[in-house]
PDB file of all heavy atoms in Angstrom:
ATOM      1  N   TRP A   1      -1.566   9.691   1.266  1.00  0.00           N
ATOM      2  CA  TRP A   1      -1.181   9.397  -0.126  1.00  0.00           C
ATOM      3  C   TRP A   1      -2.287   9.802  -1.087  1.00  0.00           C
ATOM      4  O   TRP A   1      -2.015  10.404  -2.151  1.00  0.00           O
ATOM      5  CB  TRP A   1      -0.830   7.912  -0.276  1.00  0.00           C
ATOM      6  CG  TRP A   1       0.507   7.553   0.240  1.00  0.00           C
ATOM      7  CD1 TRP A   1       0.790   7.011   1.493  1.00  0.00           C
ATOM      8  CD2 TRP A   1       1.766   7.746  -0.389  1.00  0.00           C
ATOM      9  NE1 TRP A   1       2.152   6.841   1.637  1.00  0.00           N
ATOM     10  CE2 TRP A   1       2.767   7.273   0.506  1.00  0.00           C
ATOM     11  CE3 TRP A   1       2.147   8.228  -1.641  1.00  0.00           C
ATOM     12  CZ2 TRP A   1       4.112   7.319   0.176  1.00  0.00           C
ATOM     13  CZ3 TRP A   1       3.482   8.256  -1.962  1.00  0.00           C
ATOM     14  CH2 TRP A   1       4.463   7.786  -1.072  1.00  0.00           C
ATOM     15  N   SER A   2      -3.525   9.501  -0.749  1.00  0.00           N
ATOM     16  CA  SER A   2      -4.647   9.867  -1.609  1.00  0.00           C
ATOM     17  C   SER A   2      -4.802  11.367  -1.722  1.00  0.00           C
ATOM     18  O   SER A   2      -5.287  11.863  -2.750  1.00  0.00           O
ATOM     19  CB  SER A   2      -5.926   9.247  -1.079  1.00  0.00           C
ATOM     20  OG  SER A   2      -5.857   7.837  -1.099  1.00  0.00           O
ATOM     21  N   SER A   3      -4.379  12.111  -0.681  1.00  0.00           N
ATOM     22  CA  SER A   3      -4.571  13.553  -0.656  1.00  0.00           C
ATOM     23  C   SER A   3      -3.554  14.333  -1.475  1.00  0.00           C
ATOM     24  O   SER A   3      -3.727  15.527  -1.726  1.00  0.00           O
ATOM     25  CB  SER A   3      -4.558  14.067   0.789  1.00  0.00           C
ATOM     26  OG  SER A   3      -3.238  14.068   1.320  1.00  0.00           O
ATOM     27  N   ILE A   4      -2.446  13.688  -1.892  1.00  0.00           N
ATOM     28  CA  ILE A   4      -1.398  14.397  -2.606  1.00  0.00           C
ATOM     29  C   ILE A   4      -1.349  14.064  -4.088  1.00  0.00           C
ATOM     30  O   ILE A   4      -0.425  14.445  -4.817  1.00  0.00           O
ATOM     31  CB  ILE A   4      -0.008  14.176  -1.980  1.00  0.00           C
ATOM     32  CG1 ILE A   4       0.401  12.708  -2.073  1.00  0.00           C
ATOM     33  CG2 ILE A   4       0.004  14.679  -0.524  1.00  0.00           C
ATOM     34  CD1 ILE A   4       1.841  12.440  -1.616  1.00  0.00           C
ATOM     35  N   THR A   5      -2.315  13.298  -4.565  1.00  0.00           N
ATOM     36  CA  THR A   5      -2.331  12.877  -5.947  1.00  0.00           C
ATOM     37  C   THR A   5      -3.621  13.305  -6.622  1.00  0.00           C
ATOM     38  O   THR A   5      -4.606  13.640  -5.968  1.00  0.00           O
ATOM     39  CB  THR A   5      -2.167  11.342  -6.071  1.00  0.00           C
ATOM     40  OG1 THR A   5      -2.166  10.983  -7.446  1.00  0.00           O
ATOM     41  CG2 THR A   5      -3.317  10.626  -5.377  1.00  0.00           C
ATOM     42  N   THR A   6      -3.647  13.274  -7.943  1.00  0.00           N
ATOM     43  CA  THR A   6      -4.869  13.568  -8.692  1.00  0.00           C
ATOM     44  C   THR A   6      -5.703  12.305  -8.898  1.00  0.00           C
ATOM     45  O   THR A   6      -6.767  12.377  -9.462  1.00  0.00           O
ATOM     46  CB  THR A   6      -4.536  14.190 -10.061  1.00  0.00           C
ATOM     47  OG1 THR A   6      -3.681  13.297 -10.792  1.00  0.00           O
ATOM     48  CG2 THR A   6      -3.858  15.554  -9.872  1.00  0.00           C
ATOM     49  N   THR A   7      -5.200  11.158  -8.415  1.00  0.00           N
ATOM     50  CA  THR A   7      -5.940   9.909  -8.524  1.00  0.00           C
ATOM     51  C   THR A   7      -6.020   9.259  -7.144  1.00  0.00           C
ATOM     52  O   THR A   7      -5.267   8.314  -6.833  1.00  0.00           O
ATOM     53  CB  THR A   7      -5.211   8.925  -9.493  1.00  0.00           C
ATOM     54  OG1 THR A   7      -4.822   9.611 -10.665  1.00  0.00           O
ATOM     55  CG2 THR A   7      -6.118   7.770  -9.895  1.00  0.00           C
ATOM     56  N   PRO A   8      -6.945   9.701  -6.281  1.00  0.00           N
ATOM     57  CA  PRO A   8      -7.021   9.194  -4.923  1.00  0.00           C
ATOM     58  C   PRO A   8      -7.247   7.689  -4.849  1.00  0.00           C
ATOM     59  O   PRO A   8      -6.775   7.042  -3.920  1.00  0.00           O
ATOM     60  CB  PRO A   8      -8.236   9.954  -4.328  1.00  0.00           C
ATOM     61  CG  PRO A   8      -8.306  11.204  -5.126  1.00  0.00           C
ATOM     62  CD  PRO A   8      -7.886  10.844  -6.513  1.00  0.00           C
ATOM     63  N   SER A   9      -7.956   7.127  -5.828  1.00  0.00           N
ATOM     64  CA  SER A   9      -8.259   5.687  -5.815  1.00  0.00           C
ATOM     65  C   SER A   9      -7.056   4.831  -6.157  1.00  0.00           C
ATOM     66  O   SER A   9      -7.143   3.615  -6.144  1.00  0.00           O
ATOM     67  CB  SER A   9      -9.407   5.381  -6.801  1.00  0.00           C
ATOM     68  OG  SER A   9      -9.013   5.746  -8.136  1.00  0.00           O
ATOM     69  N   LEU A  10      -5.913   5.461  -6.466  1.00  0.00           N
ATOM     70  CA  LEU A  10      -4.709   4.727  -6.818  1.00  0.00           C
ATOM     71  C   LEU A  10      -4.201   3.868  -5.673  1.00  0.00           C
ATOM     72  O   LEU A  10      -3.563   2.841  -5.869  1.00  0.00           O
ATOM     73  CB  LEU A  10      -3.613   5.738  -7.237  1.00  0.00           C
ATOM     74  CG  LEU A  10      -2.252   5.198  -7.704  1.00  0.00           C
ATOM     75  CD1 LEU A  10      -2.404   4.471  -9.034  1.00  0.00           C
ATOM     76  CD2 LEU A  10      -1.251   6.332  -7.841  1.00  0.00           C
ATOM     77  N   PHE A  11      -4.513   4.283  -4.421  1.00  0.00           N
ATOM     78  CA  PHE A  11      -3.889   3.680  -3.248  1.00  0.00           C
ATOM     79  C   PHE A  11      -4.851   2.764  -2.475  1.00  0.00           C
ATOM     80  O   PHE A  11      -6.056   3.044  -2.404  1.00  0.00           O
ATOM     81  CB  PHE A  11      -3.347   4.765  -2.314  1.00  0.00           C
ATOM     82  CG  PHE A  11      -2.354   5.660  -2.987  1.00  0.00           C
ATOM     83  CD1 PHE A  11      -2.776   6.899  -3.469  1.00  0.00           C
ATOM     84  CD2 PHE A  11      -1.062   5.288  -3.164  1.00  0.00           C
ATOM     85  CE1 PHE A  11      -1.874   7.731  -4.140  1.00  0.00           C
ATOM     86  CE2 PHE A  11      -0.141   6.097  -3.809  1.00  0.00           C
ATOM     87  CZ  PHE A  11      -0.555   7.328  -4.276  1.00  0.00           C
ATOM     88  N   SER A  12      -4.286   1.712  -1.922  1.00  0.00           N
ATOM     89  CA  SER A  12      -5.062   0.809  -1.081  1.00  0.00           C
ATOM     90  C   SER A  12      -4.151   0.187  -0.042  1.00  0.00           C
ATOM     91  O   SER A  12      -2.917   0.340  -0.090  1.00  0.00           O
ATOM     92  CB  SER A  12      -5.739  -0.305  -1.928  1.00  0.00           C
ATOM     93  OG  SER A  12      -4.746  -1.059  -2.617  1.00  0.00           O
ATOM     94  N   ILE A  13      -4.773  -0.516   0.929  1.00  0.00           N
ATOM     95  CA  ILE A  13      -3.989  -1.153   2.011  1.00  0.00           C
ATOM     96  C   ILE A  13      -4.065  -2.651   1.833  1.00  0.00           C
ATOM     97  O   ILE A  13      -5.157  -3.225   1.716  1.00  0.00           O
ATOM     98  CB  ILE A  13      -4.563  -0.770   3.385  1.00  0.00           C
ATOM     99  CG1 ILE A  13      -4.504   0.762   3.578  1.00  0.00           C
ATOM    100  CG2 ILE A  13      -3.779  -1.428   4.493  1.00  0.00           C
ATOM    101  CD1 ILE A  13      -5.220   1.263   4.824  1.00  0.00           C
ATOM    102  N   ASN A  14      -2.902  -3.315   1.781  1.00  0.00           N
ATOM    103  CA  ASN A  14      -2.883  -4.760   1.663  1.00  0.00           C
ATOM    104  C   ASN A  14      -3.263  -5.442   2.976  1.00  0.00           C
ATOM    105  O   ASN A  14      -3.312  -4.804   4.042  1.00  0.00           O
ATOM    106  CB  ASN A  14      -1.497  -5.224   1.235  1.00  0.00           C
ATOM    107  CG  ASN A  14      -1.342  -5.183  -0.277  1.00  0.00           C
ATOM    108  OD1 ASN A  14      -2.283  -4.893  -1.001  1.00  0.00           O
ATOM    109  ND2 ASN A  14      -0.143  -5.461  -0.766  1.00  0.00           N
ATOM    110  N   GLU A  15      -3.494  -6.741   2.922  1.00  0.00           N
ATOM    111  CA  GLU A  15      -3.832  -7.483   4.118  1.00  0.00           C
ATOM    112  C   GLU A  15      -2.650  -7.548   5.089  1.00  0.00           C
ATOM    113  O   GLU A  15      -1.484  -7.454   4.678  1.00  0.00           O
ATOM    114  CB  GLU A  15      -4.250  -8.927   3.729  1.00  0.00           C
ATOM    115  CG  GLU A  15      -5.557  -8.985   2.955  1.00  0.00           C
ATOM    116  CD  GLU A  15      -5.960 -10.435   2.682  1.00  0.00           C
ATOM    117  OE1 GLU A  15      -5.226 -11.344   3.115  1.00  0.00           O
ATOM    118  OE2 GLU A  15      -7.005 -10.643   2.031  1.00  0.00           O
ATOM    119  N   MET A  16      -2.998  -7.687   6.355  1.00  0.00           N
ATOM    120  CA  MET A  16      -1.942  -7.785   7.377  1.00  0.00           C
ATOM    121  C   MET A  16      -1.123  -9.054   7.181  1.00  0.00           C
ATOM    122  O   MET A  16      -1.651 -10.107   6.804  1.00  0.00           O
ATOM    123  CB  MET A  16      -2.565  -7.833   8.777  1.00  0.00           C
ATOM    124  CG  MET A  16      -3.145  -6.520   9.268  1.00  0.00           C
ATOM    125  SD  MET A  16      -3.652  -6.642  11.009  1.00  0.00           S
ATOM    126  CE  MET A  16      -4.578  -5.128  11.192  1.00  0.00           C
ATOM    127  N   LYS A  17       0.179  -8.931   7.469  1.00  0.00           N
ATOM    128  CA  LYS A  17       1.065 -10.059   7.423  1.00  0.00           C
ATOM    129  C   LYS A  17       1.766 -10.161   8.781  1.00  0.00           C
ATOM    130  O   LYS A  17       2.037  -9.153   9.409  1.00  0.00           O
ATOM    131  CB  LYS A  17       2.109  -9.893   6.318  1.00  0.00           C
ATOM    132  CG  LYS A  17       1.505  -9.867   4.915  1.00  0.00           C
ATOM    133  CD  LYS A  17       2.566  -9.636   3.865  1.00  0.00           C
ATOM    134  CE  LYS A  17       1.985  -9.546   2.485  1.00  0.00           C
ATOM    135  NZ  LYS A  17       3.027  -9.277   1.436  1.00  0.00           N
ATOM    136  N   TYR A  18       2.070 -11.378   9.184  1.00  0.00           N
ATOM    137  CA  TYR A  18       2.699 -11.604  10.488  1.00  0.00           C
ATOM    138  C   TYR A  18       4.059 -12.257  10.236  1.00  0.00           C
ATOM    139  O   TYR A  18       4.157 -13.349   9.684  1.00  0.00           O
ATOM    140  CB  TYR A  18       1.831 -12.509  11.367  1.00  0.00           C
ATOM    141  CG  TYR A  18       0.445 -11.932  11.592  1.00  0.00           C
ATOM    142  CD1 TYR A  18      -0.620 -12.301  10.754  1.00  0.00           C
ATOM    143  CD2 TYR A  18       0.210 -11.027  12.603  1.00  0.00           C
ATOM    144  CE1 TYR A  18      -1.881 -11.765  10.922  1.00  0.00           C
ATOM    145  CE2 TYR A  18      -1.058 -10.472  12.773  1.00  0.00           C
ATOM    146  CZ  TYR A  18      -2.110 -10.841  11.938  1.00  0.00           C
ATOM    147  OH  TYR A  18      -3.349 -10.304  12.116  1.00  0.00           O
ATOM    148  N   VAL A  19       5.093 -11.544  10.632  1.00  0.00           N
ATOM    149  CA  VAL A  19       6.487 -12.000  10.430  1.00  0.00           C
ATOM    150  C   VAL A  19       7.193 -11.951  11.795  1.00  0.00           C
ATOM    151  O   VAL A  19       7.435 -10.863  12.310  1.00  0.00           O
ATOM    152  CB  VAL A  19       7.217 -11.148   9.405  1.00  0.00           C
ATOM    153  CG1 VAL A  19       8.651 -11.677   9.193  1.00  0.00           C
ATOM    154  CG2 VAL A  19       6.460 -11.082   8.080  1.00  0.00           C
ATOM    155  N   ASP A  20       7.503 -13.132  12.312  1.00  0.00           N
ATOM    156  CA  ASP A  20       8.179 -13.206  13.627  1.00  0.00           C
ATOM    157  C   ASP A  20       7.336 -12.419  14.667  1.00  0.00           C
ATOM    158  O   ASP A  20       6.193 -12.751  14.912  1.00  0.00           O
ATOM    159  CB  ASP A  20       9.613 -12.679  13.563  1.00  0.00           C
ATOM    160  CG  ASP A  20      10.452 -13.533  12.621  1.00  0.00           C
ATOM    161  OD1 ASP A  20      10.181 -14.754  12.536  1.00  0.00           O
ATOM    162  OD2 ASP A  20      11.347 -13.010  11.961  1.00  0.00           O
ATOM    163  N   ASP A  21       7.948 -11.414  15.276  1.00  0.00           N
ATOM    164  CA  ASP A  21       7.247 -10.614  16.311  1.00  0.00           C
ATOM    165  C   ASP A  21       6.632  -9.346  15.725  1.00  0.00           C
ATOM    166  O   ASP A  21       6.318  -8.392  16.476  1.00  0.00           O
ATOM    167  CB  ASP A  21       8.221 -10.233  17.426  1.00  0.00           C
ATOM    168  CG  ASP A  21       8.742 -11.474  18.151  1.00  0.00           C
ATOM    169  OD1 ASP A  21       7.947 -12.375  18.410  1.00  0.00           O
ATOM    170  OD2 ASP A  21       9.959 -11.505  18.443  1.00  0.00           O
ATOM    171  N   MET A  22       6.411  -9.319  14.427  1.00  0.00           N
ATOM    172  CA  MET A  22       5.969  -8.083  13.784  1.00  0.00           C
ATOM    173  C   MET A  22       4.723  -8.294  12.964  1.00  0.00           C
ATOM    174  O   MET A  22       4.566  -9.301  12.261  1.00  0.00           O
ATOM    175  CB  MET A  22       7.100  -7.542  12.898  1.00  0.00           C
ATOM    176  CG  MET A  22       6.848  -6.172  12.336  1.00  0.00           C
ATOM    177  SD  MET A  22       8.299  -5.564  11.451  1.00  0.00           S
ATOM    178  CE  MET A  22       9.471  -5.404  12.810  1.00  0.00           C
ATOM    179  N   THR A  23       3.790  -7.349  13.085  1.00  0.00           N
ATOM    180  CA  THR A  23       2.629  -7.312  12.222  1.00  0.00           C
ATOM    181  C   THR A  23       2.816  -6.156  11.257  1.00  0.00           C
ATOM    182  O   THR A  23       3.185  -5.044  11.659  1.00  0.00           O
ATOM    183  CB  THR A  23       1.340  -7.074  13.028  1.00  0.00           C
ATOM    184  OG1 THR A  23       1.251  -8.068  14.074  1.00  0.00           O
ATOM    185  CG2 THR A  23       0.111  -7.175  12.147  1.00  0.00           C
ATOM    186  N   LYS A  24       2.595  -6.388   9.960  1.00  0.00           N
ATOM    187  CA  LYS A  24       2.840  -5.326   8.985  1.00  0.00           C
ATOM    188  C   LYS A  24       1.767  -5.271   7.925  1.00  0.00           C
ATOM    189  O   LYS A  24       1.098  -6.281   7.616  1.00  0.00           O
ATOM    190  CB  LYS A  24       4.200  -5.523   8.317  1.00  0.00           C
ATOM    191  CG  LYS A  24       4.320  -6.795   7.486  1.00  0.00           C
ATOM    192  CD  LYS A  24       5.628  -6.864   6.705  1.00  0.00           C
ATOM    193  CE  LYS A  24       5.578  -5.937   5.506  1.00  0.00           C
ATOM    194  NZ  LYS A  24       6.730  -6.158   4.595  1.00  0.00           N
ATOM    195  N   VAL A  25       1.555  -4.072   7.404  1.00  0.00           N
ATOM    196  CA  VAL A  25       0.724  -3.877   6.231  1.00  0.00           C
ATOM    197  C   VAL A  25       1.460  -2.946   5.272  1.00  0.00           C
ATOM    198  O   VAL A  25       2.264  -2.100   5.710  1.00  0.00           O
ATOM    199  CB  VAL A  25      -0.664  -3.255   6.560  1.00  0.00           C
ATOM    200  CG1 VAL A  25      -1.478  -4.200   7.426  1.00  0.00           C
ATOM    201  CG2 VAL A  25      -0.514  -1.905   7.244  1.00  0.00           C
ATOM    202  N   ASP A  26       1.201  -3.099   4.005  1.00  0.00           N
ATOM    203  CA  ASP A  26       1.787  -2.234   2.986  1.00  0.00           C
ATOM    204  C   ASP A  26       0.670  -1.373   2.370  1.00  0.00           C
ATOM    205  O   ASP A  26      -0.423  -1.875   2.094  1.00  0.00           O
ATOM    206  CB  ASP A  26       2.430  -3.062   1.853  1.00  0.00           C
ATOM    207  CG  ASP A  26       3.678  -3.791   2.318  1.00  0.00           C
ATOM    208  OD1 ASP A  26       4.407  -3.219   3.160  1.00  0.00           O
ATOM    209  OD2 ASP A  26       3.926  -4.910   1.859  1.00  0.00           O
ATOM    210  N   ILE A  27       0.988  -0.083   2.207  1.00  0.00           N
ATOM    211  CA  ILE A  27       0.142   0.779   1.393  1.00  0.00           C
ATOM    212  C   ILE A  27       0.701   0.713  -0.012  1.00  0.00           C
ATOM    213  O   ILE A  27       1.904   0.912  -0.241  1.00  0.00           O
ATOM    214  CB  ILE A  27       0.160   2.229   1.945  1.00  0.00           C
ATOM    215  CG1 ILE A  27      -0.356   2.248   3.383  1.00  0.00           C
ATOM    216  CG2 ILE A  27      -0.700   3.143   1.054  1.00  0.00           C
ATOM    217  CD1 ILE A  27      -0.143   3.574   4.092  1.00  0.00           C
ATOM    218  N   VAL A  28      -0.163   0.395  -0.974  1.00  0.00           N
ATOM    219  CA  VAL A  28       0.327   0.144  -2.344  1.00  0.00           C
ATOM    220  C   VAL A  28      -0.395   1.074  -3.333  1.00  0.00           C
ATOM    221  O   VAL A  28      -1.481   1.551  -3.096  1.00  0.00           O
ATOM    222  CB  VAL A  28       0.071  -1.323  -2.760  1.00  0.00           C
ATOM    223  CG1 VAL A  28       0.860  -2.273  -1.831  1.00  0.00           C
ATOM    224  CG2 VAL A  28      -1.398  -1.666  -2.743  1.00  0.00           C
ATOM    225  N   ALA A  29       0.350   1.343  -4.413  1.00  0.00           N
ATOM    226  CA  ALA A  29      -0.238   2.057  -5.546  1.00  0.00           C
ATOM    227  C   ALA A  29      -0.478   1.042  -6.656  1.00  0.00           C
ATOM    228  O   ALA A  29       0.420   0.261  -7.000  1.00  0.00           O
ATOM    229  CB  ALA A  29       0.737   3.159  -6.027  1.00  0.00           C
ATOM    230  N   GLN A  30      -1.674   1.053  -7.210  1.00  0.00           N
ATOM    231  CA  GLN A  30      -2.051   0.079  -8.243  1.00  0.00           C
ATOM    232  C   GLN A  30      -1.885   0.705  -9.604  1.00  0.00           C
ATOM    233  O   GLN A  30      -2.700   1.516 -10.057  1.00  0.00           O
ATOM    234  CB  GLN A  30      -3.495  -0.369  -8.034  1.00  0.00           C
ATOM    235  CG  GLN A  30      -3.906  -1.490  -8.972  1.00  0.00           C
ATOM    236  CD  GLN A  30      -3.139  -2.789  -8.743  1.00  0.00           C
ATOM    237  OE1 GLN A  30      -3.112  -3.285  -7.635  1.00  0.00           O
ATOM    238  NE2 GLN A  30      -2.519  -3.326  -9.771  1.00  0.00           N
ATOM    239  N   PHE A  31      -0.824   0.329 -10.315  1.00  0.00           N
ATOM    240  CA  PHE A  31      -0.559   0.808 -11.681  1.00  0.00           C
ATOM    241  C   PHE A  31      -0.931  -0.265 -12.689  1.00  0.00           C
ATOM    242  O   PHE A  31      -1.149  -1.427 -12.299  1.00  0.00           O
ATOM    243  CB  PHE A  31       0.925   1.176 -11.818  1.00  0.00           C
ATOM    244  CG  PHE A  31       1.301   2.455 -11.099  1.00  0.00           C
ATOM    245  CD1 PHE A  31       2.043   2.411  -9.940  1.00  0.00           C
ATOM    246  CD2 PHE A  31       0.935   3.696 -11.614  1.00  0.00           C
ATOM    247  CE1 PHE A  31       2.405   3.583  -9.249  1.00  0.00           C
ATOM    248  CE2 PHE A  31       1.305   4.859 -10.969  1.00  0.00           C
ATOM    249  CZ  PHE A  31       2.044   4.807  -9.805  1.00  0.00           C
ATOM    250  N   PRO A  32      -0.993   0.095 -13.955  1.00  0.00           N
ATOM    251  CA  PRO A  32      -1.356  -0.937 -14.977  1.00  0.00           C
ATOM    252  C   PRO A  32      -0.418  -2.138 -14.971  1.00  0.00           C
ATOM    253  O   PRO A  32      -0.833  -3.233 -15.338  1.00  0.00           O
ATOM    254  CB  PRO A  32      -1.259  -0.136 -16.284  1.00  0.00           C
ATOM    255  CG  PRO A  32      -1.560   1.271 -15.907  1.00  0.00           C
ATOM    256  CD  PRO A  32      -0.961   1.456 -14.546  1.00  0.00           C
ATOM    257  N   TRP A  33       0.847  -1.945 -14.602  1.00  0.00           N
ATOM    258  CA  TRP A  33       1.812  -3.041 -14.617  1.00  0.00           C
ATOM    259  C   TRP A  33       1.829  -3.815 -13.284  1.00  0.00           C
ATOM    260  O   TRP A  33       2.513  -4.821 -13.168  1.00  0.00           O
ATOM    261  CB  TRP A  33       3.221  -2.521 -14.904  1.00  0.00           C
ATOM    262  CG  TRP A  33       3.709  -1.524 -13.885  1.00  0.00           C
ATOM    263  CD1 TRP A  33       4.305  -1.788 -12.685  1.00  0.00           C
ATOM    264  CD2 TRP A  33       3.656  -0.101 -13.993  1.00  0.00           C
ATOM    265  NE1 TRP A  33       4.620  -0.619 -12.030  1.00  0.00           N
ATOM    266  CE2 TRP A  33       4.247   0.440 -12.824  1.00  0.00           C
ATOM    267  CE3 TRP A  33       3.174   0.777 -14.973  1.00  0.00           C
ATOM    268  CZ2 TRP A  33       4.315   1.797 -12.583  1.00  0.00           C
ATOM    269  CZ3 TRP A  33       3.259   2.148 -14.733  1.00  0.00           C
ATOM    270  CH2 TRP A  33       3.822   2.619 -13.564  1.00  0.00           C
ATOM    271  N   GLY A  34       1.057  -3.375 -12.299  1.00  0.00           N
ATOM    272  CA  GLY A  34       1.019  -4.074 -11.011  1.00  0.00           C
ATOM    273  C   GLY A  34       1.135  -3.143  -9.827  1.00  0.00           C
ATOM    274  O   GLY A  34       1.099  -1.920  -9.972  1.00  0.00           O
ATOM    275  N   GLN A  35       1.256  -3.718  -8.630  1.00  0.00           N
ATOM    276  CA  GLN A  35       1.306  -2.933  -7.413  1.00  0.00           C
ATOM    277  C   GLN A  35       2.750  -2.495  -7.099  1.00  0.00           C
ATOM    278  O   GLN A  35       3.686  -3.222  -7.364  1.00  0.00           O
ATOM    279  CB  GLN A  35       0.799  -3.742  -6.227  1.00  0.00           C
ATOM    280  CG  GLN A  35      -0.700  -4.010  -6.256  1.00  0.00           C
ATOM    281  CD  GLN A  35      -1.156  -4.769  -5.007  1.00  0.00           C
ATOM    282  OE1 GLN A  35      -0.313  -5.257  -4.218  1.00  0.00           O
ATOM    283  NE2 GLN A  35      -2.461  -4.837  -4.791  1.00  0.00           N
ATOM    284  N   GLU A  36       2.854  -1.287  -6.535  1.00  0.00           N
ATOM    285  CA  GLU A  36       4.120  -0.801  -6.003  1.00  0.00           C
ATOM    286  C   GLU A  36       3.888  -0.409  -4.558  1.00  0.00           C
ATOM    287  O   GLU A  36       2.937   0.324  -4.234  1.00  0.00           O
ATOM    288  CB  GLU A  36       4.619   0.417  -6.781  1.00  0.00           C
ATOM    289  CG  GLU A  36       4.903   0.163  -8.246  1.00  0.00           C
ATOM    290  CD  GLU A  36       6.125  -0.725  -8.483  1.00  0.00           C
ATOM    291  OE1 GLU A  36       6.852  -0.997  -7.508  1.00  0.00           O
ATOM    292  OE2 GLU A  36       6.331  -1.159  -9.636  1.00  0.00           O
ATOM    293  N   VAL A  37       4.717  -0.940  -3.660  1.00  0.00           N
ATOM    294  CA  VAL A  37       4.619  -0.602  -2.229  1.00  0.00           C
ATOM    295  C   VAL A  37       5.149   0.818  -2.012  1.00  0.00           C
ATOM    296  O   VAL A  37       6.293   1.117  -2.377  1.00  0.00           O
ATOM    297  CB  VAL A  37       5.410  -1.582  -1.347  1.00  0.00           C
ATOM    298  CG1 VAL A  37       5.342  -1.149   0.097  1.00  0.00           C
ATOM    299  CG2 VAL A  37       4.853  -2.991  -1.521  1.00  0.00           C
ATOM    300  N   VAL A  38       4.328   1.711  -1.444  1.00  0.00           N
ATOM    301  CA  VAL A  38       4.726   3.102  -1.255  1.00  0.00           C
ATOM    302  C   VAL A  38       5.062   3.396   0.197  1.00  0.00           C
ATOM    303  O   VAL A  38       5.834   4.317   0.512  1.00  0.00           O
ATOM    304  CB  VAL A  38       3.652   4.069  -1.781  1.00  0.00           C
ATOM    305  CG1 VAL A  38       3.478   3.915  -3.268  1.00  0.00           C
ATOM    306  CG2 VAL A  38       2.340   3.906  -1.033  1.00  0.00           C
ATOM    307  N   GLU A  39       4.467   2.627   1.114  1.00  0.00           N
ATOM    308  CA  GLU A  39       4.748   2.840   2.537  1.00  0.00           C
ATOM    309  C   GLU A  39       4.434   1.543   3.294  1.00  0.00           C
ATOM    310  O   GLU A  39       3.514   0.825   2.930  1.00  0.00           O
ATOM    311  CB  GLU A  39       3.924   3.982   3.111  1.00  0.00           C
ATOM    312  CG  GLU A  39       4.219   4.326   4.542  1.00  0.00           C
ATOM    313  CD  GLU A  39       3.759   5.706   4.986  1.00  0.00           C
ATOM    314  OE1 GLU A  39       3.354   6.493   4.110  1.00  0.00           O
ATOM    315  OE2 GLU A  39       3.835   6.022   6.186  1.00  0.00           O
ATOM    316  N   THR A  40       5.189   1.293   4.342  1.00  0.00           N
ATOM    317  CA  THR A  40       4.973   0.120   5.188  1.00  0.00           C
ATOM    318  C   THR A  40       4.717   0.543   6.613  1.00  0.00           C
ATOM    319  O   THR A  40       5.437   1.406   7.135  1.00  0.00           O
ATOM    320  CB  THR A  40       6.206  -0.830   5.137  1.00  0.00           C
ATOM    321  OG1 THR A  40       6.402  -1.284   3.779  1.00  0.00           O
ATOM    322  CG2 THR A  40       5.985  -2.037   6.047  1.00  0.00           C
ATOM    323  N   VAL A  41       3.645   0.011   7.185  1.00  0.00           N
ATOM    324  CA  VAL A  41       3.309   0.289   8.588  1.00  0.00           C
ATOM    325  C   VAL A  41       3.454  -1.010   9.372  1.00  0.00           C
ATOM    326  O   VAL A  41       2.870  -2.026   8.984  1.00  0.00           O
ATOM    327  CB  VAL A  41       1.869   0.817   8.695  1.00  0.00           C
ATOM    328  CG1 VAL A  41       1.554   1.203  10.175  1.00  0.00           C
ATOM    329  CG2 VAL A  41       1.656   2.043   7.798  1.00  0.00           C
TER     330      VAL A  41
END
């Protein structure tokens, strides 16, 4: 995500979350109005 934009610092990885049998993290874009989830691992 950082490699395809002109603002590499726009993206970050949220903390891990545990839901039932699944561990997940969201890659988010930080805009002035807040975070937008761009990909989930």
